[in-house]
C-alpha atoms as a PDB file:
ATOM      1  CA  GLU A   1     150.176 -37.469  73.676  1.00  0.00           C
ATOM      2  CA  GLN A   2     148.898 -34.512  71.834  1.00  0.00           C
ATOM      3  CA  ASP A   3     146.805 -33.584  74.658  1.00  0.00           C
ATOM      4  CA  LEU A   4     149.872 -33.277  77.016  1.00  0.00           C
ATOM      5  CA  LEU A   5     151.511 -30.773  74.661  1.00  0.00           C
ATOM      6  CA  LEU A   6     148.468 -28.836  74.614  1.00  0.00           C
ATOM      7  CA  ASP A   7     148.246 -28.768  78.509  1.00  0.00           C
ATOM      8  CA  LYS A   8     151.882 -27.749  78.424  1.00  0.00           C
ATOM      9  CA  ALA A   9     151.672 -25.045  75.798  1.00  0.00           C
ATOM     10  CA  PHE A  10     148.564 -23.432  77.215  1.00  0.00           C
ATOM     11  CA  GLY A  11     149.639 -23.845  80.901  1.00  0.00           C
ATOM     12  CA  SER A  12     153.067 -22.208  80.316  1.00  0.00           C
ATOM     13  CA  THR A  13     154.052 -18.791  81.203  1.00  0.00           C
ATOM     14  CA  ASP A  14     156.187 -18.739  78.010  1.00  0.00           C
ATOM     15  CA  ASP A  15     154.955 -17.144  74.866  1.00  0.00           C
ATOM     16  CA  GLN A  16     153.701 -20.373  73.262  1.00  0.00           C
ATOM     17  CA  VAL A  17     150.370 -18.822  72.702  1.00  0.00           C
ATOM     18  CA  SER A  18     150.241 -15.530  71.054  1.00  0.00           C
ATOM     19  CA  LYS A  19     147.910 -13.345  68.980  1.00  0.00           C
ATOM     20  CA  GLU A  20     148.094 -10.341  66.639  1.00  0.00           C
ATOM     21  CA  TYR A  21     145.651  -8.561  64.569  1.00  0.00           C
ATOM     22  CA  VAL A  22     145.715  -9.017  60.681  1.00  0.00           C
ATOM     23  CA  ARG A  23     147.641  -6.000  59.720  1.00  0.00           C
ATOM     24  CA  ASN A  24     146.294  -3.362  57.306  1.00  0.00           C
ATOM     25  CA  PHE A  25     142.667  -5.106  57.128  1.00  0.00           C
ATOM     26  CA  LYS A  26     140.198  -2.214  57.069  1.00  0.00           C
ATOM     27  CA  ARG A  27     137.482  -2.548  59.557  1.00  0.00           C
ATOM     28  CA  THR A  28     134.459  -3.880  58.040  1.00  0.00           C
ATOM     29  CA  SER A  29     131.727  -6.470  58.939  1.00  0.00           C
ATOM     30  CA  VAL A  30     132.775  -9.998  57.816  1.00  0.00           C
ATOM     31  CA  ASP A  31     129.929 -12.704  56.908  1.00  0.00           C
ATOM     32  CA  SER A  32     132.386 -15.596  56.384  1.00  0.00           C
ATOM     33  CA  ILE A  33     135.965 -16.636  56.609  1.00  0.00           C
ATOM     34  CA  ASP A  34     137.997 -19.718  55.597  1.00  0.00           C
ATOM     35  CA  TRP A  35     141.490 -20.858  54.927  1.00  0.00           C
ATOM     36  CA  ALA A  36     142.761 -21.471  51.340  1.00  0.00           C
ATOM     37  CA  GLY A  37     146.067 -22.921  52.199  1.00  0.00           C
ATOM     38  CA  ASP A  38     148.027 -20.326  54.349  1.00  0.00           C
ATOM     39  CA  LYS A  39     145.873 -17.249  53.150  1.00  0.00           C
ATOM     40  CA  LEU A  40     142.357 -16.312  54.372  1.00  0.00           C
ATOM     41  CA  LEU A  41     139.395 -15.998  52.102  1.00  0.00           C
ATOM     42  CA  ILE A  42     137.186 -13.386  54.013  1.00  0.00           C
ATOM     43  CA  ALA A  43     133.593 -12.482  52.671  1.00  0.00           C
ATOM     44  CA  CYS A  44     132.095  -9.124  53.396  1.00  0.00           C
ATOM     45  CA  SER A  45     128.780  -8.808  51.981  1.00  0.00           C
ATOM     46  CA  ARG A  46     128.189  -5.122  53.289  1.00  0.00           C
ATOM     47  CA  ASP A  47     130.881  -3.782  51.145  1.00  0.00           C
ATOM     48  CA  GLN A  48     130.436  -6.301  48.347  1.00  0.00           C
ATOM     49  CA  THR A  49     133.920  -7.802  48.363  1.00  0.00           C
ATOM     50  CA  LEU A  50     135.424 -11.386  48.723  1.00  0.00           C
ATOM     51  CA  ARG A  51     139.111 -10.995  49.583  1.00  0.00           C
ATOM     52  CA  LEU A  52     142.118 -13.310  49.526  1.00  0.00           C
ATOM     53  CA  TRP A  53     144.344 -12.254  52.216  1.00  0.00           C
ATOM     54  CA  ASP A  54     148.074 -13.072  53.062  1.00  0.00           C
ATOM     55  CA  PRO A  55     148.276 -12.860  56.985  1.00  0.00           C
ATOM     56  CA  GLU A  56     151.971 -13.022  56.763  1.00  0.00           C
ATOM     57  CA  ARG A  57     152.544  -9.840  54.589  1.00  0.00           C
ATOM     58  CA  GLY A  58     149.456  -8.168  55.708  1.00  0.00           C
ATOM     59  CA  GLU A  59     147.988  -7.515  52.398  1.00  0.00           C
ATOM     60  CA  LYS A  60     145.234  -8.241  49.821  1.00  0.00           C
ATOM     61  CA  GLU A  61     146.429 -10.597  47.118  1.00  0.00           C
ATOM     62  CA  ARG A  62     143.331 -10.494  45.064  1.00  0.00           C
ATOM     63  CA  SER A  63     139.458 -10.067  45.371  1.00  0.00           C
ATOM     64  CA  TRP A  64     136.144 -10.705  43.670  1.00  0.00           C
ATOM     65  CA  SER A  65     133.043  -8.328  43.862  1.00  0.00           C
ATOM     66  CA  GLY A  66     129.649  -9.578  44.932  1.00  0.00           C
ATOM     67  CA  GLU A  67     127.596  -9.760  48.029  1.00  0.00           C
ATOM     68  CA  TRP A  68     129.133 -12.946  48.920  1.00  0.00           C
ATOM     69  CA  MET A  69     127.511 -14.493  52.207  1.00  0.00           C
ATOM     70  CA  CYS A  70     129.342 -17.696  52.519  1.00  0.00           C
ATOM     71  CA  VAL A  71     132.795 -18.916  51.459  1.00  0.00           C
ATOM     72  CA  GLN A  72     134.402 -22.337  51.722  1.00  0.00           C
ATOM     73  CA  SER A  73     137.566 -23.686  50.377  1.00  0.00           C
ATOM     74  CA  ASP A  74     137.426 -27.367  48.439  1.00  0.00           C
ATOM     75  CA  PRO A  75     138.168 -29.930  51.233  1.00  0.00           C
ATOM     76  CA  ASN A  76     140.905 -31.454  49.047  1.00  0.00           C
ATOM     77  CA  ASN A  77     142.084 -28.816  46.861  1.00  0.00           C
ATOM     78  CA  PRO A  78     143.371 -25.384  48.749  1.00  0.00           C
ATOM     79  CA  PHE A  79     143.389 -23.493  45.528  1.00  0.00           C
ATOM     80  CA  VAL A  80     139.803 -23.873  44.786  1.00  0.00           C
ATOM     81  CA  ALA A  81     136.825 -22.175  46.594  1.00  0.00           C
ATOM     82  CA  ALA A  82     133.023 -21.939  46.574  1.00  0.00           C
ATOM     83  CA  ALA A  83     131.046 -18.847  47.489  1.00  0.00           C
ATOM     84  CA  VAL A  84     127.282 -17.995  47.333  1.00  0.00           C
ATOM     85  CA  SER A  85     125.589 -14.599  47.490  1.00  0.00           C
ATOM     86  CA  TRP A  86     122.528 -13.282  49.216  1.00  0.00           C
ATOM     87  CA  SER A  87     120.991 -12.729  45.577  1.00  0.00           C
ATOM     88  CA  GLY A  88     121.578 -16.176  44.567  1.00  0.00           C
ATOM     89  CA  LYS A  89     125.073 -16.025  42.653  1.00  0.00           C
ATOM     90  CA  PHE A  90     127.034 -19.203  43.070  1.00  0.00           C
ATOM     91  CA  ARG A  91     130.526 -19.334  41.875  1.00  0.00           C
ATOM     92  CA  VAL A  92     133.339 -21.921  42.052  1.00  0.00           C
ATOM     93  CA  PHE A  93     136.757 -20.346  41.505  1.00  0.00           C
ATOM     94  CA  ASP A  94     140.516 -20.729  41.303  1.00  0.00           C
ATOM     95  CA  THR A  95     141.918 -18.676  44.373  1.00  0.00           C
ATOM     96  CA  ARG A  96     145.164 -18.097  42.337  1.00  0.00           C
ATOM     97  CA  SER A  97     143.322 -16.044  39.618  1.00  0.00           C
ATOM     98  CA  SER A  98     140.766 -13.321  39.826  1.00  0.00           C
ATOM     99  CA  THR A  99     139.100 -14.231  36.537  1.00  0.00           C
ATOM    100  CA  SER A 100     139.270 -18.043  36.442  1.00  0.00           C
ATOM    101  CA  HIS A 101     135.993 -19.706  37.482  1.00  0.00           C
ATOM    102  CA  VAL A 102     135.229 -23.508  37.471  1.00  0.00           C
ATOM    103  CA  CYS A 103     131.256 -22.381  37.323  1.00  0.00           C
ATOM    104  CA  ASP A 104     129.586 -19.029  37.701  1.00  0.00           C
ATOM    105  CA  VAL A 105     125.836 -19.306  37.631  1.00  0.00           C
ATOM    106  CA  ASP A 106     122.790 -17.333  38.814  1.00  0.00           C
ATOM    107  CA  LEU A 107     120.847 -19.933  40.732  1.00  0.00           C
ATOM    108  CA  LYS A 108     117.740 -17.888  40.555  1.00  0.00           C
ATOM    109  CA  LYS A 109     117.559 -18.539  36.786  1.00  0.00           C
ATOM    110  CA  THR A 110     116.938 -22.213  37.748  1.00  0.00           C
ATOM    111  CA  SER A 111     114.369 -21.206  40.692  1.00  0.00           C
ATOM    112  CA  SER A 112     113.331 -17.806  41.652  1.00  0.00           C
ATOM    113  CA  ALA A 113     113.300 -19.411  45.276  1.00  0.00           C
ATOM    114  CA  MET A 114     116.872 -19.943  44.898  1.00  0.00           C
ATOM    115  CA  LYS A 115     118.189 -16.641  46.710  1.00  0.00           C
ATOM    116  CA  GLU A 116     118.777 -15.311  50.147  1.00  0.00           C
ATOM    117  CA  PHE A 117     121.332 -17.865  51.050  1.00  0.00           C
ATOM    118  CA  LEU A 118     122.810 -17.983  54.672  1.00  0.00           C
ATOM    119  CA  CYS A 119     124.756 -21.160  54.851  1.00  0.00           C
ATOM    120  CA  MET A 120     127.002 -23.520  52.670  1.00  0.00           C
ATOM    121  CA  SER A 121     128.775 -26.819  53.207  1.00  0.00           C
ATOM    122  CA  TRP A 122     130.850 -28.868  50.816  1.00  0.00           C
ATOM    123  CA  SER A 123     130.966 -32.598  51.137  1.00  0.00           C
ATOM    124  CA  PRO A 124     134.264 -34.215  52.393  1.00  0.00           C
ATOM    125  CA  ASP A 125     134.705 -35.844  48.905  1.00  0.00           C
ATOM    126  CA  SER A 126     134.168 -32.443  47.106  1.00  0.00           C
ATOM    127  CA  LYS A 127     131.256 -33.871  45.038  1.00  0.00           C
ATOM    128  CA  ASN A 128     128.334 -31.951  46.356  1.00  0.00           C
ATOM    129  CA  ILE A 129     127.761 -28.770  47.815  1.00  0.00           C
ATOM    130  CA  CYS A 130     124.590 -27.967  49.909  1.00  0.00           C
ATOM    131  CA  LEU A 131     123.081 -24.671  50.274  1.00  0.00           C
ATOM    132  CA  GLY A 132     120.514 -23.437  52.910  1.00  0.00           C
ATOM    133  CA  ASN A 133     118.522 -20.012  52.723  1.00  0.00           C
ATOM    134  CA  ARG A 134     116.368 -17.853  54.859  1.00  0.00           C
ATOM    135  CA  ASN A 135     113.212 -19.546  53.647  1.00  0.00           C
ATOM    136  CA  ASP A 136     114.472 -22.730  55.269  1.00  0.00           C
ATOM    137  CA  GLN A 137     115.160 -24.556  51.947  1.00  0.00           C
ATOM    138  CA  LEU A 138     117.818 -26.988  51.338  1.00  0.00           C
ATOM    139  CA  TYR A 139     119.380 -27.470  47.814  1.00  0.00           C
ATOM    140  CA  MET A 140     122.094 -30.058  46.831  1.00  0.00           C
ATOM    141  CA  LEU A 141     124.231 -29.340  44.255  1.00  0.00           C
ATOM    142  CA  ASN A 142     126.168 -31.985  42.473  1.00  0.00           C
ATOM    143  CA  MET A 143     129.643 -30.923  41.424  1.00  0.00           C
ATOM    144  CA  ALA A 144     131.072 -34.343  40.135  1.00  0.00           C
ATOM    145  CA  SER A 145     130.377 -33.405  36.431  1.00  0.00           C
ATOM    146  CA  GLY A 146     130.060 -29.483  36.278  1.00  0.00           C
ATOM    147  CA  LEU A 147     127.266 -28.216  38.147  1.00  0.00           C
ATOM    148  CA  LYS A 148     123.867 -30.080  38.517  1.00  0.00           C
ATOM    149  CA  LEU A 149     120.895 -29.479  40.867  1.00  0.00           C
ATOM    150  CA  GLY A 150     120.198 -32.469  42.784  1.00  0.00           C
ATOM    151  CA  ALA A 151     117.969 -32.969  45.767  1.00  0.00           C
ATOM    152  CA  SER A 152     116.004 -29.976  47.436  1.00  0.00           C
ATOM    153  CA  LYS A 153     113.992 -29.945  50.499  1.00  0.00           C
ATOM    154  CA  HIS A 154     111.722 -27.286  52.498  1.00  0.00           C
ATOM    155  CA  LEU A 155     111.810 -27.591  56.005  1.00  0.00           C
ATOM    156  CA  GLN A 156     109.299 -26.717  58.700  1.00  0.00           C
ATOM    157  CA  CYS A 157     112.001 -25.193  60.914  1.00  0.00           C
ATOM    158  CA  GLU A 158     114.660 -22.696  60.966  1.00  0.00           C
ATOM    159  CA  ILE A 159     117.924 -23.461  59.258  1.00  0.00           C
ATOM    160  CA  ASN A 160     120.794 -21.750  61.517  1.00  0.00           C
ATOM    161  CA  GLN A 161     123.816 -23.900  59.852  1.00  0.00           C
ATOM    162  CA  ILE A 162     124.471 -27.093  58.058  1.00  0.00           C
ATOM    163  CA  CYS A 163     127.647 -29.458  57.956  1.00  0.00           C
ATOM    164  CA  TRP A 164     128.510 -32.652  56.496  1.00  0.00           C
ATOM    165  CA  ALA A 165     129.296 -35.712  58.787  1.00  0.00           C
ATOM    166  CA  PRO A 166     133.204 -36.675  58.340  1.00  0.00           C
ATOM    167  CA  ASP A 167     132.065 -39.696  56.398  1.00  0.00           C
ATOM    168  CA  GLY A 168     129.911 -37.935  53.890  1.00  0.00           C
ATOM    169  CA  ASP A 169     126.923 -39.903  54.508  1.00  0.00           C
ATOM    170  CA  SER A 170     124.820 -37.709  56.182  1.00  0.00           C
ATOM    171  CA  LEU A 171     124.278 -33.940  56.428  1.00  0.00           C
ATOM    172  CA  TRP A 172     123.666 -32.166  59.824  1.00  0.00           C
ATOM    173  CA  LEU A 173     121.300 -29.297  60.361  1.00  0.00           C
ATOM    174  CA  ALA A 174     121.234 -26.904  63.267  1.00  0.00           C
ATOM    175  CA  ALA A 175     117.634 -25.916  63.800  1.00  0.00           C
ATOM    176  CA  GLY A 176     115.933 -23.068  65.611  1.00  0.00           C
ATOM    177  CA  GLY A 177     113.278 -23.286  68.174  1.00  0.00           C
ATOM    178  CA  SER A 178     112.712 -24.695  71.653  1.00  0.00           C
ATOM    179  CA  PRO A 179     114.213 -27.355  72.498  1.00  0.00           C
ATOM    180  CA  GLY A 180     116.864 -26.870  69.743  1.00  0.00           C
ATOM    181  CA  LYS A 181     117.255 -29.902  67.282  1.00  0.00           C
ATOM    182  CA  LEU A 182     119.784 -31.604  65.172  1.00  0.00           C
ATOM    183  CA  HIS A 183     118.265 -32.840  61.861  1.00  0.00           C
ATOM    184  CA  ILE A 184     120.315 -35.506  60.103  1.00  0.00           C
ATOM    185  CA  PHE A 185     119.545 -36.388  56.717  1.00  0.00           C
ATOM    186  CA  PRO A 186     121.128 -39.105  54.151  1.00  0.00           C
ATOM    187  CA  THR A 187     123.193 -37.632  51.464  1.00  0.00           C
ATOM    188  CA  PRO A 188     122.942 -36.706  48.585  1.00  0.00           C
ATOM    189  CA  SER A 189     119.267 -37.724  48.682  1.00  0.00           C
ATOM    190  CA  LEU A 190     117.976 -35.745  51.755  1.00  0.00           C
ATOM    191  CA  GLN A 191     115.360 -38.125  52.069  1.00  0.00           C
ATOM    192  CA  ALA A 192     112.850 -37.556  54.933  1.00  0.00           C
ATOM    193  CA  ASP A 193     111.829 -40.986  55.526  1.00  0.00           C
ATOM    194  CA  MET A 194     115.526 -41.870  56.301  1.00  0.00           C
ATOM    195  CA  ALA A 195     116.196 -38.745  58.432  1.00  0.00           C
ATOM    196  CA  THR A 196     116.574 -38.619  62.225  1.00  0.00           C
ATOM    197  CA  SER A 197     116.206 -35.858  64.686  1.00  0.00           C
ATOM    198  CA  VAL A 198     117.704 -35.272  68.119  1.00  0.00           C
ATOM    199  CA  VAL A 199     117.154 -32.820  70.759  1.00  0.00           C
ATOM    200  CA  ALA A 200     120.575 -31.059  71.277  1.00  0.00           C
ATOM    201  CA  HIS A 201     119.925 -27.791  73.326  1.00  0.00           C
ATOM    202  CA  GLN A 202     117.266 -26.462  75.656  1.00  0.00           C
ATOM    203  CA  HIS A 203     117.059 -23.475  73.148  1.00  0.00           C
ATOM    204  CA  ALA A 204     117.997 -23.178  69.393  1.00  0.00           C
ATOM    205  CA  ALA A 205     120.907 -25.140  67.882  1.00  0.00           C
ATOM    206  CA  VAL A 206     122.787 -22.196  66.300  1.00  0.00           C
ATOM    207  CA  CYS A 207     125.839 -23.651  64.935  1.00  0.00           C
ATOM    208  CA  LEU A 208     127.897 -26.538  63.812  1.00  0.00           C
ATOM    209  CA  ALA A 209     131.268 -28.022  63.261  1.00  0.00           C
ATOM    210  CA  ALA A 210     133.062 -31.213  61.835  1.00  0.00           C
ATOM    211  CA  ASP A 211     135.879 -32.753  63.467  1.00  0.00           C
ATOM    212  CA  PRO A 212     138.554 -33.150  60.553  1.00  0.00           C
ATOM    213  CA  THR A 213     139.516 -36.656  62.114  1.00  0.00           C
ATOM    214  CA  GLY A 214     135.866 -37.828  62.236  1.00  0.00           C
ATOM    215  CA  LYS A 215     135.514 -38.183  65.965  1.00  0.00           C
ATOM    216  CA  TYR A 216     133.269 -35.423  66.740  1.00  0.00           C
ATOM    217  CA  ILE A 217     130.657 -32.911  65.596  1.00  0.00           C
ATOM    218  CA  ALA A 218     130.162 -29.840  67.828  1.00  0.00           C
ATOM    219  CA  CYS A 219     126.898 -27.958  68.210  1.00  0.00           C
ATOM    220  CA  GLY A 220     126.569 -24.610  69.712  1.00  0.00           C
ATOM    221  CA  GLY A 221     123.343 -23.634  71.312  1.00  0.00           C
ATOM    222  CA  GLY A 222     121.086 -20.776  72.551  1.00  0.00           C
ATOM    223  CA  ASP A 223     121.387 -22.433  75.903  1.00  0.00           C
ATOM    224  CA  CYS A 224     124.966 -21.098  76.202  1.00  0.00           C
ATOM    225  CA  LEU A 225     126.396 -24.714  75.693  1.00  0.00           C
ATOM    226  CA  ALA A 226     128.774 -26.331  73.068  1.00  0.00           C
ATOM    227  CA  THR A 227     127.871 -30.041  72.773  1.00  0.00           C
ATOM    228  CA  LEU A 228     130.017 -32.669  71.564  1.00  0.00           C
ATOM    229  CA  TRP A 229     128.373 -35.460  69.225  1.00  0.00           C
ATOM    230  CA  ASP A 230     129.604 -38.806  68.045  1.00  0.00           C
ATOM    231  CA  PRO A 231     128.493 -38.626  64.296  1.00  0.00           C
ATOM    232  CA  ARG A 232     128.401 -42.413  63.737  1.00  0.00           C
ATOM    233  CA  HIS A 233     126.015 -43.327  66.710  1.00  0.00           C
ATOM    234  CA  ARG A 234     124.567 -39.782  66.930  1.00  0.00           C
ATOM    235  CA  VAL A 235     124.493 -39.581  70.609  1.00  0.00           C
ATOM    236  CA  CYS A 236     125.820 -36.589  72.749  1.00  0.00           C
ATOM    237  CA  VAL A 237     129.310 -37.504  74.544  1.00  0.00           C
ATOM    238  CA  GLY A 238     130.137 -34.156  76.219  1.00  0.00           C
ATOM    239  CA  SER A 239     129.373 -30.497  76.640  1.00  0.00           C
ATOM    240  CA  PHE A 240     131.160 -27.505  77.472  1.00  0.00           C
ATOM    241  CA  GLY A 241     129.486 -24.495  79.812  1.00  0.00           C
ATOM    242  CA  TYR A 242     131.972 -21.779  79.730  1.00  0.00           C
ATOM    243  CA  ALA A 243     129.897 -19.297  77.837  1.00  0.00           C
ATOM    244  CA  THR A 244     127.089 -17.216  79.356  1.00  0.00           C
ATOM    245  CA  GLN A 245     125.434 -16.536  75.970  1.00  0.00           C
ATOM    246  CA  ALA A 246     124.458 -18.293  73.023  1.00  0.00           C
ATOM    247  CA  VAL A 247     127.503 -20.084  71.111  1.00  0.00           C
ATOM    248  CA  THR A 248     127.111 -18.709  67.505  1.00  0.00           C
ATOM    249  CA  THR A 249     130.351 -20.069  65.841  1.00  0.00           C
ATOM    250  CA  LEU A 250     132.633 -23.049  66.359  1.00  0.00           C
ATOM    251  CA  SER A 251     135.832 -24.477  64.419  1.00  0.00           C
ATOM    252  CA  PHE A 252     137.934 -27.763  65.438  1.00  0.00           C
ATOM    253  CA  ASN A 253     141.681 -27.671  64.902  1.00  0.00           C
ATOM    254  CA  HIS A 254     143.326 -30.157  62.395  1.00  0.00           C
ATOM    255  CA  THR A 255     143.753 -32.818  65.051  1.00  0.00           C
ATOM    256  CA  GLY A 256     140.263 -32.245  66.589  1.00  0.00           C
ATOM    257  CA  ASN A 257     141.808 -31.953  70.109  1.00  0.00           C
ATOM    258  CA  LEU A 258     140.826 -28.285  70.154  1.00  0.00           C
ATOM    259  CA  LEU A 259     137.545 -26.542  69.877  1.00  0.00           C
ATOM    260  CA  ALA A 260     137.165 -22.637  69.607  1.00  0.00           C
ATOM    261  CA  TRP A 261     134.043 -20.763  69.737  1.00  0.00           C
ATOM    262  CA  GLY A 262     132.552 -17.199  69.819  1.00  0.00           C
ATOM    263  CA  THR A 263     129.100 -15.890  70.704  1.00  0.00           C
ATOM    264  CA  ALA A 264     128.396 -12.738  68.717  1.00  0.00           C
ATOM    265  CA  GLY A 265     124.953 -12.431  67.792  1.00  0.00           C
ATOM    266  CA  PRO A 266     123.411 -10.323  64.871  1.00  0.00           C
ATOM    267  CA  GLY A 267     123.361  -6.678  64.994  1.00  0.00           C
ATOM    268  CA  THR A 268     124.782  -4.373  67.369  1.00  0.00           C
ATOM    269  CA  SER A 269     124.020  -6.201  70.603  1.00  0.00           C
ATOM    270  CA  GLY A 270     124.624  -9.488  72.319  1.00  0.00           C
ATOM    271  CA  GLY A 271     127.612 -11.563  72.899  1.00  0.00           C
ATOM    272  CA  GLU A 272     130.649 -12.103  75.130  1.00  0.00           C
ATOM    273  CA  ARG A 273     133.616 -10.086  74.483  1.00  0.00           C
ATOM    274  CA  ASN A 274     135.990 -12.991  74.797  1.00  0.00           C
ATOM    275  CA  LEU A 275     137.224 -16.162  72.627  1.00  0.00           C
ATOM    276  CA  THR A 276     137.197 -19.487  74.069  1.00  0.00           C
ATOM    277  CA  ILE A 277     139.267 -22.541  73.459  1.00  0.00           C
ATOM    278  CA  VAL A 278     138.696 -25.795  75.033  1.00  0.00           C
ATOM    279  CA  GLY A 279     140.145 -29.338  74.917  1.00  0.00           C
ATOM    280  CA  THR A 280     137.765 -31.812  73.398  1.00  0.00           C
ATOM    281  CA  ASN A 281     139.474 -34.990  74.705  1.00  0.00           C
ATOM    282  CA  THR A 282     140.492 -33.272  78.157  1.00  0.00           C
ATOM    283  CA  GLY A 283     137.351 -31.101  78.849  1.00  0.00           C
ATOM    284  CA  SER A 284     139.967 -28.496  79.814  1.00  0.00           C
ATOM    285  CA  LEU A 285     139.218 -24.617  79.441  1.00  0.00           C
ATOM    286  CA  TYR A 286     142.516 -23.600  77.893  1.00  0.00           C
ATOM    287  CA  TRP A 287     141.953 -20.068  76.736  1.00  0.00           C
ATOM    288  CA  GLN A 288     139.344 -17.407  77.352  1.00  0.00           C
ATOM    289  CA  ASP A 289     140.716 -14.174  76.278  1.00  0.00           C
ATOM    290  CA  THR A 290     139.084 -10.892  76.222  1.00  0.00           C
ATOM    291  CA  THR A 291     138.389  -9.431  72.759  1.00  0.00           C
ATOM    292  CA  SER A 292     137.656  -5.796  71.573  1.00  0.00           C
ATOM    293  CA  ALA A 293     134.260  -7.130  70.480  1.00  0.00           C
ATOM    294  CA  PRO A 294     132.065 -10.361  70.505  1.00  0.00           C
ATOM    295  CA  VAL A 295     133.644 -12.955  68.218  1.00  0.00           C
ATOM    296  CA  GLN A 296     131.695 -13.503  65.131  1.00  0.00           C
ATOM    297  CA  ASN A 297     133.725 -16.059  63.160  1.00  0.00           C
ATOM    298  CA  VAL A 298     136.408 -18.633  64.106  1.00  0.00           C
ATOM    299  CA  LYS A 299     138.345 -21.014  61.701  1.00  0.00           C
ATOM    300  CA  TRP A 300     141.516 -23.174  62.595  1.00  0.00           C
ATOM    301  CA  HIS A 301     144.250 -23.271  59.968  1.00  0.00           C
ATOM    302  CA  PRO A 302     143.878 -27.018  57.950  1.00  0.00           C
ATOM    303  CA  SER A 303     147.269 -28.057  59.170  1.00  0.00           C
ATOM    304  CA  GLN A 304     148.472 -25.758  61.963  1.00  0.00           C
ATOM    305  CA  ASN A 305     147.507 -24.537  65.705  1.00  0.00           C
ATOM    306  CA  VAL A 306     146.748 -21.162  63.954  1.00  0.00           C
ATOM    307  CA  LEU A 307     143.104 -19.810  64.776  1.00  0.00           C
ATOM    308  CA  ALA A 308     141.562 -16.779  62.668  1.00  0.00           C
ATOM    309  CA  TYR A 309     138.655 -15.034  64.212  1.00  0.00           C
ATOM    310  CA  THR A 310     136.758 -11.929  63.436  1.00  0.00           C
ATOM    311  CA  VAL A 311     134.664  -9.701  65.888  1.00  0.00           C
ATOM    312  CA  SER A 312     131.551  -8.048  65.345  1.00  0.00           C
ATOM    313  CA  ALA A 313     132.447  -4.525  63.608  1.00  0.00           C
ATOM    314  CA  ALA A 314     129.132  -2.912  64.819  1.00  0.00           C
ATOM    315  CA  GLN A 315     130.498  -3.529  68.516  1.00  0.00           C
ATOM    316  CA  LEU A 316     133.965  -2.424  68.068  1.00  0.00           C
ATOM    317  CA  PRO A 317     134.752   0.748  70.059  1.00  0.00           C
ATOM    318  CA  GLU A 318     134.769   3.724  68.116  1.00  0.00           C
ATOM    319  CA  ASP A 319     138.532   4.604  68.565  1.00  0.00           C
ATOM    320  CA  ASN A 320     139.623   0.994  67.498  1.00  0.00           C
ATOM    321  CA  GLY A 321     140.911   1.318  63.939  1.00  0.00           C
ATOM    322  CA  ARG A 322     141.843  -2.214  63.434  1.00  0.00           C
END
């Protein structure tokens, strides 16, 4: 029934699908976004600011200074979020206050290797957060009773992105190299002898997203494909070939029926200037709209069919002030 409604919405000539810019947001490079209820958390390491933005009012509600690379809301509490910086700062904070923190630590004081973080993923039960850095190290942080460093692992492959399986029993890792592989570790132990690996793409596995209903995990690859995986049986159950460059960011909507992606690469080159939305159950291409620059981040609202996305600031036309 939901798929029929989506077919009708995207196939209609009426204005059932619309888009607009986030008003009054200054042009800057965005590293990470997530929804905090109906508001957006926007991490911008270049101008060293993490913002909570109200899209309806078109204004910043509050901000936190720091070179934050990744931000994610607590899966079970829209008023709590975690952020990690390139330099190793880690913070869990109340988004309703600029000064209230659950924890605020410098991870480098625990280990000098705990820095240059690139990815973060919060477990579905909110008890653990896993971090990955440029040196291909994984760190498990236990959040159940304060903050405690759990398992850690150095990998012999490039870590591009991580995400938890919807049941919370495993951590999926998208790895670089050819072919592109998915490495799946038991959690929270990250035991190597219980891990499995599957070939996911002809070239690097670049990005991951978990369907909130538990049906799929999606992986974007350097071979221009987005693939769907059964997280329980760890087999590929579908793929989409609507991209012509590497798929670098993915997100499912709250019902798992829609998958959005973008293809912006690092730096000032690469990526298609469009936003793509497909039906996970129907295989249909619902939306591939032209954008002013390649799409760098996508994130669906946790309970509505509202998609937030950012484009590469480095590739925006000079006369585009937004």
